[in-house]
């Protein structure tokens, strides 16, 4: 099986349910950015040890949810009614699940009173990179909304919480020496 189609050789890509757009289209940028975040989350998950099954499971769940968000973004707006909740469209329940995970991790973390400087360990560093990449995707999605091309604001809420979850998981995975990572005032 060949994985290349040669259709994108002209600098365009297909949207689900019809149409082609230039590769630097905002939608393509947004779902490509989510793909980047998902890959970095894969690096983080690969670093989870045997005692970090909960964290690895939550990272995998977030990766799956980012694929749903990516599918929504990769769909032509006029075909939004063809999307399936939780499969190719982000739902309020998905956002609520992410919020529950954030609270579960933050209940077990003591944050320093300043901004955290990433880099406590390799696992937390990958989670922090994924956090910033998801924030970039969120900015792209807000731009799509400003152009009246977004069919649901839930996607923005979900991405906002997804980056918060990466922060919470990174702090949970970080070294237990807050004085080393007090951050900037």
Protein backbone atom coordinates (compact mmCIF):
# COMPACT_ATOMS: atom_id res chain seq x y z
CA UNK A 1 0.00 0.00 0.00
CA UNK A 2 1.32 3.39 -0.96
CA UNK A 3 0.74 6.22 1.48
CA UNK A 4 1.28 9.01 -1.00
CA UNK A 5 -1.40 10.24 -3.38
CA UNK A 6 0.46 13.06 -5.14
CA UNK A 7 -2.68 15.20 -4.78
CA UNK A 8 -0.92 17.57 -2.42
CA UNK A 9 1.97 18.21 -4.77
CA UNK A 10 0.25 21.40 -5.88
CA UNK A 11 0.32 22.77 -2.31
CA UNK A 12 -3.28 21.93 -1.46
CA UNK A 13 -5.00 19.37 0.76
CA UNK A 14 -8.49 17.90 1.02
CA UNK A 15 -11.07 18.65 3.66
CA UNK A 16 -13.48 15.97 4.83
CA UNK A 17 -16.71 15.93 2.86
CA UNK A 18 -15.39 17.99 0.02
CA UNK A 19 -13.18 20.78 -1.11
CA UNK A 20 -9.49 21.47 -1.23
CA UNK A 21 -7.65 24.25 0.52
CA UNK A 22 -4.09 25.57 0.36
CA UNK A 23 -1.83 23.84 2.87
CA UNK A 24 -1.25 27.07 4.83
CA UNK A 25 -5.03 27.49 5.27
CA UNK A 26 -5.99 28.33 8.88
CA UNK A 27 -7.81 25.00 9.26
CA UNK A 28 -4.82 23.05 8.01
CA UNK A 29 -2.53 25.06 10.27
CA UNK A 30 -4.81 24.38 13.26
CA UNK A 31 -5.20 20.64 12.81
CA UNK A 32 -1.55 20.28 11.81
CA UNK A 33 -0.62 22.04 15.03
CA UNK A 34 -2.80 19.60 16.98
CA UNK A 35 -0.99 16.75 15.23
CA UNK A 36 2.28 18.27 16.42
CA UNK A 37 0.96 18.44 19.99
CA UNK A 38 -0.27 14.86 19.78
CA UNK A 39 3.19 13.73 18.69
CA UNK A 40 4.86 15.49 21.60
CA UNK A 41 2.31 13.95 23.95
CA UNK A 42 3.41 10.61 22.49
CA UNK A 43 6.97 11.42 23.52
CA UNK A 44 5.73 12.24 27.02
CA UNK A 45 3.71 9.03 27.21
CA UNK A 46 6.72 6.99 26.10
CA UNK A 47 8.64 8.43 29.06
CA UNK A 48 6.05 7.31 31.62
CA UNK A 49 7.39 4.60 33.86
CA UNK A 50 5.55 1.64 35.35
CA UNK A 51 4.39 3.72 38.31
CA UNK A 52 2.86 6.34 36.01
CA UNK A 53 0.04 4.32 34.45
CA UNK A 54 -2.57 6.92 35.40
CA UNK A 55 -0.57 9.69 33.73
CA UNK A 56 0.11 7.56 30.63
CA UNK A 57 -3.60 6.74 30.38
CA UNK A 58 -4.61 10.38 30.67
CA UNK A 59 -2.06 11.39 28.05
CA UNK A 60 -3.42 8.74 25.67
CA UNK A 61 -6.98 9.90 26.33
CA UNK A 62 -5.93 13.48 25.52
CA UNK A 63 -4.22 12.31 22.32
CA UNK A 64 -7.44 10.60 21.24
CA UNK A 65 -9.47 13.70 22.05
CA UNK A 66 -7.07 15.85 20.02
CA UNK A 67 -7.74 13.58 17.04
CA UNK A 68 -11.44 14.37 17.44
CA UNK A 69 -10.64 18.09 17.50
CA UNK A 70 -8.43 17.66 14.44
CA UNK A 71 -11.21 15.85 12.58
CA UNK A 72 -13.59 18.71 13.32
CA UNK A 73 -11.07 21.22 11.99
CA UNK A 74 -10.36 19.11 8.91
CA UNK A 75 -14.01 19.19 7.90
CA UNK A 76 -15.39 21.73 5.47
CA UNK A 77 -17.67 24.09 7.50
CA UNK A 78 -20.62 23.43 5.20
CA UNK A 79 -20.40 19.72 6.12
CA UNK A 80 -20.41 20.25 9.90
CA UNK A 81 -23.82 18.59 10.19
CA UNK A 82 -22.19 15.33 9.08
CA UNK A 83 -19.85 15.21 12.08
CA UNK A 84 -20.41 12.76 14.92
CA UNK A 85 -20.21 13.88 18.56
CA UNK A 86 -17.11 12.53 20.29
CA UNK A 87 -15.81 10.98 17.08
CA UNK A 88 -15.34 13.92 14.74
CA UNK A 89 -16.84 16.77 16.80
CA UNK A 90 -15.76 18.00 20.25
CA UNK A 91 -18.50 17.92 22.87
CA UNK A 92 -19.19 19.64 26.18
CA UNK A 93 -18.76 16.23 27.85
CA UNK A 94 -15.22 16.00 26.44
CA UNK A 95 -14.39 19.41 27.89
CA UNK A 96 -15.89 18.37 31.23
CA UNK A 97 -13.74 15.20 31.27
CA UNK A 98 -10.62 17.29 30.71
CA UNK A 99 -11.66 19.63 33.54
CA UNK A 100 -12.08 16.64 35.88
CA UNK A 101 -8.57 15.44 35.00
CA UNK A 102 -7.13 18.93 35.58
CA UNK A 103 -8.73 19.06 39.04
CA UNK A 104 -7.52 15.55 39.88
CA UNK A 105 -3.89 16.50 39.14
CA UNK A 106 -4.01 19.98 40.64
CA UNK A 107 -5.41 18.56 43.90
CA UNK A 108 -2.08 16.73 44.24
CA UNK A 109 0.28 19.55 43.22
CA UNK A 110 1.61 22.49 45.20
CA UNK A 111 2.28 25.27 42.74
CA UNK A 112 4.99 27.78 43.52
CA UNK A 113 3.71 31.36 43.89
CA UNK A 114 5.40 32.46 40.67
CA UNK A 115 5.45 31.44 37.01
CA UNK A 116 6.87 27.97 36.52
CA UNK A 117 9.93 27.64 34.33
CA UNK A 118 9.67 24.34 32.41
CA UNK A 119 12.46 21.79 32.46
CA UNK A 120 12.17 19.88 35.71
CA UNK A 121 12.56 16.58 33.89
CA UNK A 122 12.17 15.18 30.39
CA UNK A 123 8.58 14.00 30.90
CA UNK A 124 7.33 17.32 32.27
CA UNK A 125 9.24 19.17 29.54
CA UNK A 126 7.42 17.28 26.78
CA UNK A 127 4.10 18.00 28.47
CA UNK A 128 5.00 21.69 28.60
CA UNK A 129 5.91 21.70 24.91
CA UNK A 130 2.58 20.02 24.11
CA UNK A 131 0.85 22.69 26.24
CA UNK A 132 2.37 25.52 24.23
CA UNK A 133 1.65 23.82 20.91
CA UNK A 134 -2.01 23.37 21.88
CA UNK A 135 -2.13 27.07 22.79
CA UNK A 136 -0.86 27.86 19.28
CA UNK A 137 -3.61 25.70 17.81
CA UNK A 138 -6.12 27.50 20.02
CA UNK A 139 -4.97 30.85 18.61
CA UNK A 140 -5.46 29.51 15.07
CA UNK A 141 -8.96 28.32 15.96
CA UNK A 142 -9.85 31.72 17.44
CA UNK A 143 -8.76 33.27 14.14
CA UNK A 144 -11.05 30.82 12.31
CA UNK A 145 -13.87 31.94 14.61
CA UNK A 146 -13.12 35.61 13.91
CA UNK A 147 -13.54 34.82 10.21
CA UNK A 148 -16.95 33.25 10.95
CA UNK A 149 -15.71 29.84 9.82
CA UNK A 150 -16.08 28.01 13.15
CA UNK A 151 -19.26 26.04 13.65
CA UNK A 152 -18.93 25.53 17.42
CA UNK A 153 -17.26 27.47 20.23
CA UNK A 154 -16.87 24.23 22.19
CA UNK A 155 -13.69 23.53 20.24
CA UNK A 156 -12.08 26.68 21.67
CA UNK A 157 -13.14 25.78 25.23
CA UNK A 158 -11.82 22.25 24.78
CA UNK A 159 -8.43 23.39 23.48
CA UNK A 160 -8.12 25.92 26.28
CA UNK A 161 -8.71 23.17 28.85
CA UNK A 162 -6.48 20.70 26.98
CA UNK A 163 -3.51 23.02 27.35
CA UNK A 164 -4.39 23.50 31.03
CA UNK A 165 -4.42 19.71 31.42
CA UNK A 166 -0.94 19.51 29.93
CA UNK A 167 0.19 22.11 32.49
CA UNK A 168 -1.40 20.17 35.35
CA UNK A 169 0.11 16.87 34.21
CA UNK A 170 3.52 18.52 33.74
CA UNK A 171 3.46 19.88 37.27
CA UNK A 172 2.40 16.45 38.57
CA UNK A 173 5.26 14.81 36.65
CA UNK A 174 7.80 17.47 37.61
CA UNK A 175 10.50 16.96 40.21
CA UNK A 176 9.46 17.51 43.79
CA UNK A 177 11.82 20.43 44.43
CA UNK A 178 9.69 23.58 44.04
CA UNK A 179 12.54 25.87 45.11
CA UNK A 180 14.40 24.88 41.94
CA UNK A 181 11.40 25.79 39.78
CA UNK A 182 9.93 28.85 41.46
CA UNK A 183 9.88 30.69 38.19
CA UNK A 184 9.99 34.40 37.59
CA UNK A 185 8.32 36.99 39.75
